[in-house]
Amino acid sequence: MAVFSYIEGFYNPLRRHSALGYRSPIVYEQDTASEAAKPDLLSQVP
């Protein structure tokens, strides 16, 4: 449990990260999931 507390305290999933476009990891994950759920119209065969 101490390792989990250390990682959560160090990483902080609510803090904004520059590598993620200054979005929190939680928001980045939600945005990525919603983009992945959209159909890719260019790859569909008529």
PDB file of N, CA and C in Angstrom:
ATOM      1  N   MET A   1       0.829  -1.192   0.000  1.00  0.00           N
ATOM      2  CA  MET A   1       0.000   0.000   0.000  1.00  0.00           C
ATOM      3  C   MET A   1       0.871   1.253   0.000  1.00  0.00           C
ATOM      4  N   ALA A   2       2.039   1.171   0.599  1.00  0.00           N
ATOM      5  CA  ALA A   2       2.929   2.328   0.645  1.00  0.00           C
ATOM      6  C   ALA A   2       3.406   2.706  -0.751  1.00  0.00           C
ATOM      7  N   VAL A   3       3.644   1.703  -1.595  1.00  0.00           N
ATOM      8  CA  VAL A   3       4.090   1.984  -2.967  1.00  0.00           C
ATOM      9  C   VAL A   3       2.988   2.709  -3.728  1.00  0.00           C
ATOM     10  N   PHE A   4       1.759   2.247  -3.585  1.00  0.00           N
ATOM     11  CA  PHE A   4       0.629   2.897  -4.251  1.00  0.00           C
ATOM     12  C   PHE A   4       0.495   4.349  -3.806  1.00  0.00           C
ATOM     13  N   SER A   5       0.593   4.597  -2.524  1.00  0.00           N
ATOM     14  CA  SER A   5       0.489   5.962  -1.998  1.00  0.00           C
ATOM     15  C   SER A   5       1.607   6.839  -2.540  1.00  0.00           C
ATOM     16  N   TYR A   6       2.813   6.286  -2.639  1.00  0.00           N
ATOM     17  CA  TYR A   6       3.945   7.047  -3.176  1.00  0.00           C
ATOM     18  C   TYR A   6       3.704   7.409  -4.637  1.00  0.00           C
ATOM     19  N   ILE A   7       3.273   6.426  -5.432  1.00  0.00           N
ATOM     20  CA  ILE A   7       3.045   6.682  -6.857  1.00  0.00           C
ATOM     21  C   ILE A   7       1.928   7.695  -7.038  1.00  0.00           C
ATOM     22  N   GLU A   8       0.839   7.556  -6.325  1.00  0.00           N
ATOM     23  CA  GLU A   8      -0.266   8.507  -6.434  1.00  0.00           C
ATOM     24  C   GLU A   8       0.178   9.906  -6.026  1.00  0.00           C
ATOM     25  N   GLY A   9       0.969  10.010  -4.991  1.00  0.00           N
ATOM     26  CA  GLY A   9       1.454  11.310  -4.535  1.00  0.00           C
ATOM     27  C   GLY A   9       2.449  11.922  -5.494  1.00  0.00           C
ATOM     28  N   PHE A  10       3.272  11.090  -6.118  1.00  0.00           N
ATOM     29  CA  PHE A  10       4.290  11.584  -7.044  1.00  0.00           C
ATOM     30  C   PHE A  10       3.689  11.918  -8.401  1.00  0.00           C
ATOM     31  N   TYR A  11       2.876  11.019  -8.926  1.00  0.00           N
ATOM     32  CA  TYR A  11       2.347  11.162 -10.282  1.00  0.00           C
ATOM     33  C   TYR A  11       1.194  12.151 -10.343  1.00  0.00           C
ATOM     34  N   ASN A  12       0.294  12.097  -9.386  1.00  0.00           N
ATOM     35  CA  ASN A  12      -0.857  12.984  -9.297  1.00  0.00           C
ATOM     36  C   ASN A  12      -1.675  12.967 -10.587  1.00  0.00           C
ATOM     37  N   PRO A  13      -2.693  12.122 -10.682  1.00  0.00           N
ATOM     38  CA  PRO A  13      -3.483  12.004 -11.903  1.00  0.00           C
ATOM     39  C   PRO A  13      -4.317  13.243 -12.223  1.00  0.00           C
ATOM     40  N   LEU A  14      -4.386  14.193 -11.307  1.00  0.00           N
ATOM     41  CA  LEU A  14      -5.152  15.412 -11.570  1.00  0.00           C
ATOM     42  C   LEU A  14      -4.280  16.554 -12.078  1.00  0.00           C
ATOM     43  N   ARG A  15      -2.953  16.431 -11.902  1.00  0.00           N
ATOM     44  CA  ARG A  15      -2.049  17.495 -12.323  1.00  0.00           C
ATOM     45  C   ARG A  15      -1.945  17.503 -13.843  1.00  0.00           C
ATOM     46  N   ARG A  16      -1.856  18.676 -14.409  1.00  0.00           N
ATOM     47  CA  ARG A  16      -1.708  18.803 -15.856  1.00  0.00           C
ATOM     48  C   ARG A  16      -0.277  18.471 -16.259  1.00  0.00           C
ATOM     49  N   HIS A  17      -0.140  17.805 -17.396  1.00  0.00           N
ATOM     50  CA  HIS A  17       1.169  17.399 -17.896  1.00  0.00           C
ATOM     51  C   HIS A  17       1.378  17.999 -19.283  1.00  0.00           C
ATOM     52  N   SER A  18       2.558  18.550 -19.525  1.00  0.00           N
ATOM     53  CA  SER A  18       2.844  19.179 -20.814  1.00  0.00           C
ATOM     54  C   SER A  18       2.822  18.161 -21.947  1.00  0.00           C
ATOM     55  N   ALA A  19       3.238  16.942 -21.691  1.00  0.00           N
ATOM     56  CA  ALA A  19       3.248  15.916 -22.733  1.00  0.00           C
ATOM     57  C   ALA A  19       1.836  15.535 -23.174  1.00  0.00           C
ATOM     58  N   LEU A  20       0.853  15.850 -22.364  1.00  0.00           N
ATOM     59  CA  LEU A  20      -0.539  15.518 -22.679  1.00  0.00           C
ATOM     60  C   LEU A  20      -1.317  16.741 -23.131  1.00  0.00           C
ATOM     61  N   GLY A  21      -0.619  17.769 -23.590  1.00  0.00           N
ATOM     62  CA  GLY A  21      -1.290  18.986 -24.024  1.00  0.00           C
ATOM     63  C   GLY A  21      -1.846  19.775 -22.860  1.00  0.00           C
ATOM     64  N   TYR A  22      -1.166  19.716 -21.729  1.00  0.00           N
ATOM     65  CA  TYR A  22      -1.571  20.404 -20.493  1.00  0.00           C
ATOM     66  C   TYR A  22      -2.960  19.984 -20.031  1.00  0.00           C
ATOM     67  N   ARG A  23      -3.267  18.712 -20.260  1.00  0.00           N
ATOM     68  CA  ARG A  23      -4.485  18.115 -19.721  1.00  0.00           C
ATOM     69  C   ARG A  23      -4.072  17.125 -18.648  1.00  0.00           C
ATOM     70  N   SER A  24      -4.975  16.890 -17.717  1.00  0.00           N
ATOM     71  CA  SER A  24      -4.682  15.887 -16.692  1.00  0.00           C
ATOM     72  C   SER A  24      -4.732  14.508 -17.346  1.00  0.00           C
ATOM     73  N   PRO A  25      -4.056  13.525 -16.763  1.00  0.00           N
ATOM     74  CA  PRO A  25      -4.105  12.177 -17.330  1.00  0.00           C
ATOM     75  C   PRO A  25      -5.525  11.633 -17.445  1.00  0.00           C
ATOM     76  N   ILE A  26      -6.370  11.979 -16.502  1.00  0.00           N
ATOM     77  CA  ILE A  26      -7.754  11.496 -16.544  1.00  0.00           C
ATOM     78  C   ILE A  26      -8.489  12.094 -17.740  1.00  0.00           C
ATOM     79  N   VAL A  27      -8.350  13.398 -17.956  1.00  0.00           N
ATOM     80  CA  VAL A  27      -9.011  14.061 -19.084  1.00  0.00           C
ATOM     81  C   VAL A  27      -8.429  13.553 -20.399  1.00  0.00           C
ATOM     82  N   TYR A  28      -7.112  13.368 -20.459  1.00  0.00           N
ATOM     83  CA  TYR A  28      -6.469  12.853 -21.670  1.00  0.00           C
ATOM     84  C   TYR A  28      -7.006  11.469 -22.014  1.00  0.00           C
ATOM     85  N   GLU A  29      -7.141  10.622 -21.016  1.00  0.00           N
ATOM     86  CA  GLU A  29      -7.662   9.273 -21.246  1.00  0.00           C
ATOM     87  C   GLU A  29      -9.099   9.322 -21.752  1.00  0.00           C
ATOM     88  N   GLN A  30      -9.917  10.206 -21.185  1.00  0.00           N
ATOM     89  CA  GLN A  30     -11.302  10.336 -21.632  1.00  0.00           C
ATOM     90  C   GLN A  30     -11.363  10.843 -23.067  1.00  0.00           C
ATOM     91  N   ASP A  31     -10.539  11.833 -23.401  1.00  0.00           N
ATOM     92  CA  ASP A  31     -10.511  12.372 -24.760  1.00  0.00           C
ATOM     93  C   ASP A  31     -10.049  11.315 -25.760  1.00  0.00           C
ATOM     94  N   THR A  32      -9.037  10.559 -25.398  1.00  0.00           N
ATOM     95  CA  THR A  32      -8.508   9.521 -26.279  1.00  0.00           C
ATOM     96  C   THR A  32      -9.543   8.427 -26.504  1.00  0.00           C
ATOM     97  N   ALA A  33     -10.248   8.050 -25.464  1.00  0.00           N
ATOM     98  CA  ALA A  33     -11.273   7.012 -25.587  1.00  0.00           C
ATOM     99  C   ALA A  33     -12.419   7.480 -26.474  1.00  0.00           C
ATOM    100  N   SER A  34     -12.814   8.745 -26.356  1.00  0.00           N
ATOM    101  CA  SER A  34     -13.910   9.238 -27.188  1.00  0.00           C
ATOM    102  C   SER A  34     -13.477   9.361 -28.646  1.00  0.00           C
ATOM    103  N   GLU A  35     -12.212   9.700 -28.898  1.00  0.00           N
ATOM    104  CA  GLU A  35     -11.704   9.760 -30.271  1.00  0.00           C
ATOM    105  C   GLU A  35     -11.636   8.361 -30.879  1.00  0.00           C
ATOM    106  N   ALA A  36     -11.257   7.381 -30.091  1.00  0.00           N
ATOM    107  CA  ALA A  36     -11.147   6.007 -30.585  1.00  0.00           C
ATOM    108  C   ALA A  36     -12.521   5.425 -30.903  1.00  0.00           C
ATOM    109  N   ALA A  37     -13.553   5.910 -30.244  1.00  0.00           N
ATOM    110  CA  ALA A  37     -14.902   5.393 -30.452  1.00  0.00           C
ATOM    111  C   ALA A  37     -15.537   5.935 -31.730  1.00  0.00           C
ATOM    112  N   LYS A  38     -14.995   7.021 -32.276  1.00  0.00           N
ATOM    113  CA  LYS A  38     -15.545   7.596 -33.501  1.00  0.00           C
ATOM    114  C   LYS A  38     -15.163   6.722 -34.693  1.00  0.00           C
ATOM    115  N   PRO A  39     -16.091   6.528 -35.623  1.00  0.00           N
ATOM    116  CA  PRO A  39     -15.753   5.719 -36.802  1.00  0.00           C
ATOM    117  C   PRO A  39     -14.788   6.468 -37.721  1.00  0.00           C
ATOM    118  N   ASP A  40     -13.899   5.727 -38.334  1.00  0.00           N
ATOM    119  CA  ASP A  40     -12.957   6.294 -39.282  1.00  0.00           C
ATOM    120  C   ASP A  40     -13.587   6.191 -40.667  1.00  0.00           C
ATOM    121  N   LEU A  41     -14.107   7.286 -41.165  1.00  0.00           N
ATOM    122  CA  LEU A  41     -14.854   7.272 -42.419  1.00  0.00           C
ATOM    123  C   LEU A  41     -13.969   6.974 -43.623  1.00  0.00           C
ATOM    124  N   LEU A  42     -12.689   7.223 -43.532  1.00  0.00           N
ATOM    125  CA  LEU A  42     -11.804   6.987 -44.667  1.00  0.00           C
ATOM    126  C   LEU A  42     -11.474   5.509 -44.857  1.00  0.00           C
ATOM    127  N   SER A  43     -11.615   4.714 -43.834  1.00  0.00           N
ATOM    128  CA  SER A  43     -11.239   3.310 -43.950  1.00  0.00           C
ATOM    129  C   SER A  43     -12.427   2.392 -44.227  1.00  0.00           C
ATOM    130  N   GLN A  44     -13.612   2.948 -44.346  1.00  0.00           N
ATOM    131  CA  GLN A  44     -14.785   2.121 -44.592  1.00  0.00           C
ATOM    132  C   GLN A  44     -14.974   1.903 -46.093  1.00  0.00           C
ATOM    133  N   VAL A  45     -15.297   0.692 -46.461  1.00  0.00           N
ATOM    134  CA  VAL A  45     -15.551   0.351 -47.856  1.00  0.00           C
ATOM    135  C   VAL A  45     -17.038   0.540 -48.114  1.00  0.00           C
ATOM    136  N   PRO A  46     -17.397   1.205 -49.218  1.00  0.00           N
ATOM    137  CA  PRO A  46     -18.829   1.441 -49.485  1.00  0.00           C
ATOM    138  C   PRO A  46     -19.597   0.174 -49.787  1.00  0.00           C
TER     139      PRO A  46
END
